[in-house]
Amino acid sequence: MNENIQTVCIDEVAGRRIARLSGLSVTGSIDILLRAKREGYPLSIQQAISQMLNRGIRLSPTVINFALLQANEDDSEC
C-alpha cells in the first residue's frame, strides 16, 4: 500500500479477501500463467499445473479445468 501498488498476486483465499477489502486488484498464479501464454510465451499450462501440484500447491479441480479450458489444453496429465 505504501508503494502505490494497484494489483497483487495472491492465491490464498484470506489474503485475496484482505487485499480486495484494501482496495487492491487481485490476480493469482494461474492468471499470470494464462496471460504469459496469451502473450506468446512458450509454456504448457498443463505442465505448470502438474509441477505446482507436485510441489504441494493445492488447486481446486474447478481452477484446473478452467485454466486448461482457457489455454485450450487437454487435462489428461493433471
Protein backbone atom coordinates (compact mmCIF):
# COMPACT_ATOMS: atom_id res chain seq x y z
CA MET A 1 0.00 0.00 0.00
CA ASN A 2 2.89 2.35 0.78
CA GLU A 3 4.33 1.69 -2.69
CA ASN A 4 1.11 2.59 -4.55
CA ILE A 5 0.84 -0.92 -5.99
CA GLN A 6 -2.58 -1.44 -7.52
CA THR A 7 -2.53 -5.19 -8.28
CA VAL A 8 -1.16 -8.01 -6.17
CA CYS A 9 -0.66 -11.71 -6.87
CA ILE A 10 -2.16 -13.76 -4.05
CA ASP A 11 -3.54 -17.29 -4.21
CA GLU A 12 -4.75 -17.75 -0.63
CA VAL A 13 -8.43 -17.02 -0.04
CA ALA A 14 -7.91 -14.97 3.11
CA GLY A 15 -5.15 -12.89 1.54
CA ARG A 16 -7.26 -12.21 -1.54
CA ARG A 17 -10.17 -11.07 0.63
CA ILE A 18 -7.99 -8.71 2.65
CA ALA A 19 -6.39 -7.30 -0.50
CA ARG A 20 -9.79 -6.61 -2.06
CA LEU A 21 -11.05 -5.00 1.14
CA SER A 22 -7.96 -2.78 0.99
CA GLY A 23 -8.93 -1.63 -2.50
CA LEU A 24 -6.33 -3.66 -4.39
CA SER A 25 -6.87 -5.61 -7.59
CA VAL A 26 -6.02 -9.28 -7.19
CA THR A 27 -4.60 -11.84 -9.57
CA GLY A 28 -3.28 -15.34 -8.99
CA SER A 29 -0.62 -17.70 -10.25
CA ILE A 30 -2.89 -19.33 -12.81
CA ASP A 31 -3.93 -15.97 -14.26
CA ILE A 32 -0.30 -14.93 -14.64
CA LEU A 33 0.48 -18.19 -16.45
CA LEU A 34 -2.53 -17.75 -18.75
CA ARG A 35 -1.52 -14.16 -19.54
CA ALA A 36 2.01 -15.30 -20.38
CA LYS A 37 0.67 -17.97 -22.72
CA ARG A 38 -1.66 -15.46 -24.43
CA GLU A 39 1.30 -13.12 -24.90
CA GLY A 40 3.17 -15.85 -26.76
CA TYR A 41 5.48 -17.31 -24.14
CA PRO A 42 6.11 -20.97 -24.97
CA LEU A 43 4.71 -22.70 -21.93
CA SER A 44 2.36 -25.53 -21.18
CA ILE A 45 -0.30 -24.65 -18.64
CA GLN A 46 -0.80 -28.38 -18.10
CA GLN A 47 2.86 -28.91 -17.21
CA ALA A 48 2.92 -25.82 -14.99
CA ILE A 49 -0.14 -27.07 -13.08
CA SER A 50 1.39 -30.53 -12.72
CA GLN A 51 4.58 -29.00 -11.32
CA MET A 52 2.57 -26.88 -8.88
CA LEU A 53 0.62 -29.92 -7.69
CA ASN A 54 3.84 -31.96 -7.33
CA ARG A 55 5.25 -29.22 -5.10
CA GLY A 56 2.26 -29.33 -2.80
CA ILE A 57 0.37 -26.33 -4.12
CA ARG A 58 -3.33 -27.02 -3.85
CA LEU A 59 -5.54 -26.14 -6.79
CA SER A 60 -9.20 -27.00 -6.99
CA PRO A 61 -10.42 -29.14 -9.89
CA THR A 62 -12.55 -26.15 -10.94
CA VAL A 63 -9.47 -23.89 -11.22
CA ILE A 64 -7.51 -26.58 -13.07
CA ASN A 65 -10.32 -27.23 -15.55
CA PHE A 66 -10.84 -23.50 -16.09
CA ALA A 67 -7.14 -22.93 -16.76
CA LEU A 68 -6.85 -25.83 -19.19
CA LEU A 69 -10.00 -24.74 -21.00
CA GLN A 70 -8.72 -21.16 -21.31
CA ALA A 71 -5.38 -22.46 -22.61
CA ASN A 72 -7.04 -24.93 -25.00
CA GLU A 73 -5.10 -27.78 -23.39
CA ASP A 74 -6.13 -31.33 -22.51
CA ASP A 75 -6.40 -32.29 -18.84
CA SER A 76 -5.07 -35.86 -19.18
CA GLU A 77 -1.75 -35.22 -17.37
CA CYS A 78 -3.10 -33.35 -14.31
